[in-house]
Protein backbone atom coordinates (compact mmCIF):
# COMPACT_ATOMS: atom_id res chain seq x y z
CA MET A 1 18.88 45.28 34.43
CA GLU A 2 18.95 48.93 32.94
CA LEU A 3 22.37 48.36 31.60
CA GLU A 4 21.46 45.02 30.13
CA ARG A 5 18.50 46.92 28.35
CA ARG A 6 20.67 49.78 27.18
CA VAL A 7 23.18 47.37 25.74
CA GLY A 8 20.74 45.32 24.08
CA GLU A 9 19.17 48.34 22.49
CA ASP A 10 22.64 49.63 21.52
CA LEU A 11 23.45 46.16 19.97
CA LEU A 12 20.12 45.99 18.00
CA LEU A 13 20.84 49.30 16.50
CA ARG A 14 24.40 48.37 15.55
CA CYS A 15 22.94 44.96 14.09
CA ALA A 16 20.51 46.92 12.02
CA ALA A 17 23.33 49.21 10.69
CA VAL A 18 25.62 46.22 10.04
CA TRP A 19 22.74 44.04 8.48
CA GLY A 20 21.74 47.07 6.24
CA GLY A 21 25.23 47.34 5.01
CA LEU A 22 25.41 43.70 4.48
CA LEU A 23 22.17 43.63 2.56
CA ARG A 24 23.67 46.09 0.05
CA THR A 25 25.81 43.85 -1.90
CA ASP A 26 27.60 43.84 -5.27
CA PRO A 27 26.00 41.45 -7.88
CA VAL A 28 27.37 38.04 -7.70
CA PRO A 29 28.84 36.65 -10.92
CA GLU A 30 26.43 34.47 -12.88
CA GLU A 31 27.83 31.00 -13.76
CA GLY A 32 29.93 31.18 -16.87
CA GLU A 33 30.85 34.77 -16.13
CA ASP A 34 34.47 35.72 -15.71
CA VAL A 35 35.13 35.34 -12.11
CA ALA A 36 38.71 36.55 -12.36
CA ALA A 37 37.48 40.11 -13.37
CA THR A 38 35.62 40.33 -10.17
CA ILE A 39 38.35 39.09 -8.20
CA GLY A 40 40.71 41.89 -9.41
CA ALA A 41 38.14 44.52 -7.70
CA THR A 42 40.58 44.95 -4.76
CA GLU A 43 43.21 46.09 -7.17
CA THR A 44 41.03 49.13 -8.13
CA LEU A 45 40.72 50.30 -4.38
CA SER A 46 43.20 52.55 -3.02
CA GLU A 47 45.38 51.95 0.08
CA GLU A 48 43.18 54.33 1.95
CA GLU A 49 39.75 52.40 1.02
CA GLN A 50 41.27 49.26 1.81
CA GLU A 51 42.52 50.30 5.12
CA GLU A 52 39.14 51.63 5.87
CA LEU A 53 37.47 48.22 4.76
CA ARG A 54 39.50 46.30 7.12
CA ARG A 55 38.90 48.74 10.04
CA GLU A 56 34.99 48.06 9.26
CA LEU A 57 35.74 44.48 8.90
CA ALA A 58 37.38 44.23 12.47
CA LYS A 59 34.35 46.35 13.84
CA VAL A 60 31.76 43.92 12.43
CA GLU A 61 33.62 40.75 13.69
CA GLU A 62 33.81 42.65 17.12
CA GLU A 63 30.22 43.38 17.02
CA ILE A 64 29.26 39.71 16.08
CA GLN A 65 31.48 38.40 18.99
CA THR A 66 29.71 40.84 21.22
CA LEU A 67 26.37 39.91 20.10
CA SER A 68 27.25 36.25 20.37
CA GLN A 69 28.31 36.96 24.06
CA VAL A 70 25.17 38.87 24.71
CA LEU A 71 23.09 35.92 23.26
CA ALA A 72 24.83 33.46 25.20
CA ALA A 73 24.20 35.34 28.51
CA LYS A 74 20.46 35.65 27.56
CA GLU A 75 20.08 32.19 26.85
CA LYS A 76 21.53 31.27 30.30
CA HIS A 77 19.22 33.99 31.91
CA LEU A 78 16.18 32.30 30.18
CA ALA A 79 17.32 28.83 31.32
CA GLU A 80 17.65 29.98 34.85
CA ILE A 81 14.25 31.75 34.80
CA LYS A 82 12.62 28.56 33.47
CA ARG A 83 14.43 26.38 36.11
CA LYS A 84 13.07 28.57 38.88
CA LEU A 85 9.64 28.43 37.41
CA GLY A 86 9.88 24.76 37.09
CA ILE A 87 9.56 24.61 33.41
CA ASN A 88 11.49 21.62 32.04
CA SER A 89 12.08 20.57 28.33
CA LEU A 90 9.34 18.09 28.35
CA GLN A 91 6.73 20.42 29.57
CA GLU A 92 7.97 22.90 27.07
CA LEU A 93 7.76 20.44 24.19
CA LYS A 94 4.15 19.53 25.47
CA GLN A 95 3.07 23.25 25.36
CA ASN A 96 4.65 23.70 21.97
CA ILE A 97 2.94 20.76 20.65
CA ALA A 98 -0.38 21.74 22.16
CA LYS A 99 -0.02 25.28 20.79
CA GLY A 100 1.15 24.03 17.28
CA TRP A 101 -2.10 21.48 17.27
CA GLN A 102 -4.28 24.47 18.34
CA ASP A 103 -2.81 26.61 15.57
CA VAL A 104 -3.07 23.67 13.06
CA THR A 105 -6.98 23.08 14.05
CA ALA A 106 -7.81 26.85 13.82
CA THR A 107 -6.77 26.87 10.04
CA SER A 108 -9.48 26.89 7.30
CA ALA A 109 -7.62 24.01 5.47
CA TYR A 110 -7.90 21.89 8.70
CA LYS A 111 -11.57 22.61 9.18
CA LYS A 112 -12.26 22.01 5.22
CA THR A 113 -10.44 18.54 5.59
CA SER A 114 -12.14 17.80 8.74
CA GLU A 115 -15.45 18.39 7.17
CA THR A 116 -14.69 16.47 4.07
CA LEU A 117 -13.61 13.25 6.11
CA SER A 118 -16.56 13.34 8.24
CA GLN A 119 -18.75 13.49 5.12
CA ALA A 120 -16.75 10.88 3.67
CA GLY A 121 -17.10 8.65 6.75
CA GLN A 122 -20.83 9.21 6.72
CA LYS A 123 -21.23 8.08 3.18
CA ALA A 124 -18.87 5.14 3.82
CA SER A 125 -21.00 4.11 6.73
CA ALA A 126 -24.14 4.44 4.54
CA ALA A 127 -22.46 2.43 1.76
CA PHE A 128 -21.37 -0.44 4.08
CA SER A 129 -24.66 -0.49 5.62
CA SER A 130 -26.55 -0.93 2.22
CA VAL A 131 -24.06 -3.33 0.97
CA GLY A 132 -24.72 -5.51 4.33
CA SER A 133 -28.54 -5.27 3.41
CA VAL A 134 -27.86 -6.42 -0.14
CA ILE A 135 -25.81 -9.36 0.82
CA THR A 136 -28.48 -10.33 3.67
CA LYS A 137 -31.20 -10.11 0.98
CA LYS A 138 -29.11 -12.07 -1.60
CA LEU A 139 -28.44 -14.86 0.93
CA GLU A 140 -32.21 -14.93 1.75
CA ASP A 141 -32.80 -15.27 -2.03
CA VAL A 142 -30.38 -18.02 -2.38
CA LYS A 143 -31.77 -19.91 0.57
CA ASN A 144 -35.33 -19.72 -0.61
CA SER A 145 -34.55 -20.53 -4.25
CA PRO A 146 -35.35 -24.03 -5.76
CA THR A 147 -31.95 -25.13 -6.17
CA PHE A 148 -31.06 -24.55 -2.62
CA LYS A 149 -34.16 -26.26 -1.45
CA SER A 150 -33.40 -29.36 -3.77
CA PHE A 151 -29.82 -29.36 -2.21
CA GLU A 152 -31.30 -29.08 1.39
CA GLU A 153 -33.43 -32.07 0.78
CA LYS A 154 -30.62 -34.00 -0.73
CA VAL A 155 -28.54 -33.40 2.39
CA GLU A 156 -31.31 -34.52 4.50
CA ASN A 157 -31.92 -37.65 2.74
CA LEU A 158 -28.27 -38.37 2.94
CA LYS A 159 -28.06 -37.63 6.57
CA SER A 160 -31.17 -39.70 7.42
CA LYS A 161 -29.58 -42.63 5.40
CA VAL A 162 -25.95 -42.37 7.06
CA GLY A 163 -27.58 -41.70 10.72
CA GLY A 164 -30.67 -43.41 10.47
CA THR A 165 -33.92 -41.98 11.61
CA LYS A 166 -34.18 -40.33 15.00
CA PRO A 167 -36.84 -38.39 16.78
CA ALA A 168 -36.44 -34.84 16.41
CA GLY A 169 -34.37 -32.99 19.08
CA GLY A 170 -31.91 -34.70 21.41
CA ASP A 171 -28.65 -33.23 23.10
CA PHE A 172 -25.17 -33.23 21.72
CA GLY A 173 -24.25 -36.60 23.25
CA GLU A 174 -26.92 -38.40 21.49
CA VAL A 175 -26.00 -36.93 18.33
CA LEU A 176 -22.36 -38.07 18.80
CA ASN A 177 -23.47 -41.45 19.91
CA SER A 178 -25.54 -41.98 16.91
CA THR A 179 -22.69 -40.88 14.49
CA ALA A 180 -20.41 -43.06 16.19
CA ASN A 181 -22.83 -46.10 15.85
CA ALA A 182 -23.93 -45.28 12.38
CA SER A 183 -19.91 -45.35 11.37
CA ALA A 184 -19.31 -48.56 13.39
CA GLY A 185 -22.40 -50.13 11.75
CA ALA A 186 -23.73 -50.93 15.23
CA PRO A 187 -27.55 -50.60 15.76
CA GLU A 188 -28.66 -47.42 17.41
CA PRO A 189 -29.70 -47.53 20.93
CA LEU A 190 -33.44 -46.78 21.29
CA PRO A 191 -34.36 -43.51 23.29
CA GLU A 192 -35.41 -45.66 26.20
CA GLN A 193 -31.82 -47.16 26.52
CA MET A 194 -30.43 -43.73 26.28
CA GLN A 195 -32.28 -42.44 29.06
CA ALA A 196 -31.58 -45.44 31.30
CA ASN A 197 -27.84 -44.96 30.68
CA PRO A 198 -27.10 -41.42 31.25
């Protein structure tokens, strides 16, 4: 373990040095500039400078390969630890999603949005309730209007002409019999006859 730690620290230091060197770059030619002028930069380097750059290039490539090998070993070790702990991909995904959701719900933007939606829901509920009350009132007004009353009377008159006069009440079978008799032109049975023939 100590050896891995020292190798890891050494690699980190080398990486920092390499990345520090990589971050210092020559300006990239802009579009439309003479690219050929920048390509000729190797002509101005001496043989010694070119050889030094080649050695540095080989060293950086070797460090990258070493880092890739160490990373692969670390990933393998991580997978082995997770396997021993019984952590599988699905559990890890669930944990990541739960953590992500917890992070999202902790943000002020989520809290503000949640508050706004809650208020909007309350306002919408109140609006629907008032719309329902208005519709109910309007239907009652229509039902109590003289026009509707007149229409209702006309329907009752038409019903009594088509179905004949009947005592109030009766069951569904009686209504069906009276409708069938009225449409067939047969006289309606009297209530006494209906009670005698169940």
